Amino acid sequence: MEETHLAGAKKKALTEGRTLVFVDESGLSERPSVVRTWAPRGQTPQLTFSHAWGKLSVIAGISWWEFYFRLYRGSIKAAQAVDFLGHLRRQGAGRLLVIWDGLAVHRSRRVRAYVEGLAGEGVLAQLPAYAPELNPAESIWGPLKGHALANFCPRDIPHLSREARRQLRRSQRRQRLIRAFWQQAELPL
């Protein structure tokens, strides 16, 4: 079922000359994601962090050759989704086919109105329910949270934002990593 649904979207994108972009969101917190690390024997590493609960949201889209991202304070709402779609258009991706999950924000009136106002330059498609393995953008978060920001203790939200932006930009330049995201997704390519 999932393969036929996405196969139709991919075929339509190809015939219409659209850029296929998979989109996903994630959250980052001021609290560090603690992972196993090493230290000399008898010197247990100490993580010192504020007990703040500030939240930063990240939305990312991955096309065949690159990925795009934006950071927002708080949760992703319709305004942020529309802003990100505008960001994709400004990046010169051309005519778009955006494929994302069934998050309520993606189905909002504001997002639909924005896409309808694009006069065919952007088309939305939804992933099947409970199918994160089909979305290559889901793979962005593992290296970010489990490696690049692992054991990172930000002073505040702007510090977290700067470091997350730096690490994501670094990942954008790694073509092999982007290929790995696509290979990890269970999509017939």
Protein backbone atom coordinates (compact mmCIF):
# COMPACT_ATOMS: atom_id res chain seq x y z
CA MET A 1 0.00 0.00 0.00
CA GLU A 2 2.68 2.52 1.04
CA GLU A 3 4.88 1.76 -1.97
CA THR A 4 2.06 2.25 -4.48
CA HIS A 5 1.00 5.52 -2.78
CA LEU A 6 4.52 6.94 -2.91
CA ALA A 7 5.27 5.46 -6.32
CA GLY A 8 2.41 7.47 -7.79
CA ALA A 9 3.69 10.66 -6.18
CA LYS A 10 7.23 10.02 -7.41
CA LYS A 11 6.02 9.27 -10.95
CA LYS A 12 3.94 12.47 -10.97
CA ALA A 13 6.93 14.49 -9.75
CA LEU A 14 9.09 13.06 -12.51
CA THR A 15 6.61 13.72 -15.31
CA GLU A 16 5.93 17.28 -14.10
CA GLY A 17 9.62 18.08 -13.53
CA ARG A 18 9.19 18.64 -9.79
CA THR A 19 11.81 18.44 -7.08
CA LEU A 20 10.89 15.75 -4.58
CA VAL A 21 11.38 16.95 -0.98
CA PHE A 22 10.65 14.83 2.09
CA VAL A 23 9.98 16.94 5.21
CA ASP A 24 10.07 16.14 8.92
CA GLU A 25 10.18 18.00 12.23
CA SER A 26 11.97 17.36 15.51
CA GLY A 27 12.60 19.12 18.78
CA LEU A 28 15.74 20.03 20.68
CA SER A 29 15.89 20.83 24.37
CA GLU A 30 18.25 22.71 26.64
CA ARG A 31 18.67 19.46 28.51
CA PRO A 32 21.51 17.47 26.95
CA SER A 33 20.96 14.11 25.31
CA VAL A 34 23.27 11.96 27.36
CA VAL A 35 25.20 9.25 25.55
CA ARG A 36 27.96 6.92 26.59
CA THR A 37 31.42 8.42 26.38
CA TRP A 38 34.93 7.63 27.52
CA ALA A 39 37.17 9.09 30.20
CA PRO A 40 40.34 8.08 31.98
CA ARG A 41 39.74 5.45 34.66
CA GLY A 42 38.50 6.99 37.88
CA GLN A 43 37.52 10.32 36.26
CA THR A 44 33.80 10.09 35.58
CA PRO A 45 32.72 12.79 33.10
CA GLN A 46 30.37 15.38 34.58
CA LEU A 47 27.69 17.15 32.57
CA THR A 48 26.79 20.54 33.99
CA PHE A 49 23.62 22.06 32.62
CA SER A 50 20.86 24.39 33.66
CA HIS A 51 17.57 22.73 34.44
CA ALA A 52 15.75 24.96 31.98
CA TRP A 53 13.10 23.43 29.79
CA GLY A 54 13.48 25.69 26.77
CA LYS A 55 12.56 24.09 23.47
CA LEU A 56 13.79 24.62 19.96
CA SER A 57 12.04 23.02 16.99
CA VAL A 58 13.72 22.03 13.74
CA ILE A 59 12.04 21.39 10.42
CA ALA A 60 14.08 19.84 7.64
CA GLY A 61 13.48 18.81 4.06
CA ILE A 62 15.67 16.48 2.06
CA SER A 63 15.85 16.31 -1.70
CA TRP A 64 17.99 13.91 -3.67
CA TRP A 65 21.09 16.13 -3.53
CA GLU A 66 20.77 18.22 -0.39
CA PHE A 67 18.74 19.05 2.65
CA TYR A 68 17.27 22.28 3.95
CA PHE A 69 16.39 23.25 7.50
CA ARG A 70 14.99 26.00 9.69
CA LEU A 71 15.05 26.44 13.47
CA TYR A 72 12.14 27.89 15.45
CA ARG A 73 11.54 28.65 19.12
CA GLY A 74 8.71 26.62 20.58
CA SER A 75 6.60 24.20 18.57
CA ILE A 76 6.08 24.04 14.82
CA LYS A 77 2.75 25.61 13.93
CA ALA A 78 1.11 26.49 10.62
CA ALA A 79 3.02 29.81 10.37
CA GLN A 80 6.36 28.01 10.68
CA ALA A 81 5.34 25.34 8.16
CA VAL A 82 4.39 28.06 5.65
CA ASP A 83 7.66 29.88 6.35
CA PHE A 84 9.60 26.68 5.68
CA LEU A 85 7.76 26.05 2.41
CA GLY A 86 8.65 29.60 1.38
CA HIS A 87 12.26 28.90 2.35
CA LEU A 88 12.26 25.84 0.08
CA ARG A 89 10.97 27.92 -2.82
CA ARG A 90 13.56 30.66 -2.23
CA GLN A 91 16.37 28.11 -2.22
CA GLY A 92 15.79 27.58 -5.91
CA ALA A 93 14.46 24.05 -5.69
CA GLY A 94 12.01 24.89 -8.50
CA ARG A 95 8.60 23.25 -8.69
CA LEU A 96 8.13 21.18 -5.57
CA LEU A 97 6.46 17.98 -4.49
CA VAL A 98 6.59 18.05 -0.68
CA ILE A 99 6.00 14.72 1.04
CA TRP A 100 5.43 14.76 4.77
CA ASP A 101 3.59 12.92 7.54
CA GLY A 102 0.03 13.48 8.72
CA LEU A 103 0.80 16.08 11.39
CA ALA A 104 -2.22 18.33 11.95
CA VAL A 105 -0.13 21.39 11.07
CA HIS A 106 0.50 19.96 7.59
CA ARG A 107 -3.23 19.66 7.00
CA SER A 108 -4.11 23.12 8.34
CA ARG A 109 -6.10 25.69 6.36
CA ARG A 110 -3.20 28.12 6.39
CA VAL A 111 -0.81 25.62 4.79
CA ARG A 112 -3.39 24.55 2.20
CA ALA A 113 -4.16 28.19 1.36
CA TYR A 114 -0.46 28.94 0.92
CA VAL A 115 0.06 25.98 -1.43
CA GLU A 116 -3.07 26.83 -3.43
CA GLY A 117 -1.70 30.37 -3.82
CA LEU A 118 1.45 28.99 -5.48
CA ALA A 119 -0.51 28.35 -8.68
CA GLY A 120 0.78 24.81 -9.15
CA GLU A 121 4.40 25.53 -8.20
CA GLY A 122 4.02 23.41 -5.06
CA VAL A 123 2.15 20.17 -4.45
CA LEU A 124 1.74 18.35 -1.14
CA ALA A 125 1.57 14.61 -0.59
CA GLN A 126 1.14 12.76 2.66
CA LEU A 127 3.02 9.71 3.83
CA PRO A 128 0.93 6.75 4.93
CA ALA A 129 0.10 6.63 8.63
CA TYR A 130 2.77 5.16 10.92
CA ALA A 131 5.44 4.96 8.22
CA PRO A 132 8.47 6.92 9.46
CA GLU A 133 10.75 4.37 7.80
CA LEU A 134 9.65 5.73 4.42
CA ASN A 135 10.83 9.27 5.16
CA PRO A 136 14.56 9.91 4.58
CA ALA A 137 14.27 13.18 6.53
CA GLU A 138 13.68 11.13 9.70
CA SER A 139 17.31 9.98 9.47
CA ILE A 140 18.65 13.52 9.96
CA TRP A 141 17.83 13.50 13.66
CA GLY A 142 19.89 10.45 14.65
CA PRO A 143 23.33 11.87 13.77
CA LEU A 144 22.33 15.32 15.06
CA LYS A 145 21.08 14.25 18.47
CA GLY A 146 23.09 11.08 18.99
CA HIS A 147 26.44 12.34 17.75
CA ALA A 148 26.78 16.05 16.93
CA LEU A 149 24.85 17.36 19.96
CA ALA A 150 25.45 14.39 22.26
CA ASN A 151 26.47 15.47 25.78
CA PHE A 152 26.30 19.11 24.66
CA CYS A 153 25.24 21.39 27.53
CA PRO A 154 24.02 24.73 26.15
CA ARG A 155 23.99 27.83 28.32
CA ASP A 156 20.67 28.96 26.88
CA ILE A 157 18.42 28.66 23.83
CA PRO A 158 20.52 30.99 21.60
CA HIS A 159 23.61 28.88 22.38
CA LEU A 160 21.70 25.71 21.49
CA SER A 161 20.42 27.36 18.31
CA ARG A 162 23.91 28.40 17.18
CA GLU A 163 25.37 24.95 17.78
CA ALA A 164 22.46 23.10 16.15
CA ARG A 165 22.66 25.41 13.12
CA ARG A 166 26.43 24.88 12.90
CA GLN A 167 26.08 21.10 13.06
CA LEU A 168 23.24 21.00 10.52
CA ARG A 169 25.18 23.20 8.08
CA ARG A 170 28.13 20.89 8.48
CA SER A 171 25.91 17.92 7.63
CA GLN A 172 24.52 19.73 4.57
CA ARG A 173 27.97 19.67 2.98
CA ARG A 174 28.40 15.91 3.43
CA GLN A 175 27.00 14.28 0.29
CA ARG A 176 27.75 10.78 1.56
CA LEU A 177 25.64 11.45 4.63
CA ILE A 178 22.72 12.66 2.50
CA ARG A 179 23.00 9.49 0.38
CA ALA A 180 22.96 7.44 3.59
CA PHE A 181 19.69 9.11 4.64
CA TRP A 182 18.13 7.99 1.36
CA GLN A 183 19.53 4.47 1.65
CA GLN A 184 18.24 4.14 5.19
CA ALA A 185 14.70 4.95 4.09
CA GLU A 186 12.84 1.88 2.95
CA LEU A 187 11.90 3.35 -0.42
CA PRO A 188 12.15 1.63 -3.78
CA LEU A 189 14.35 4.10 -5.65
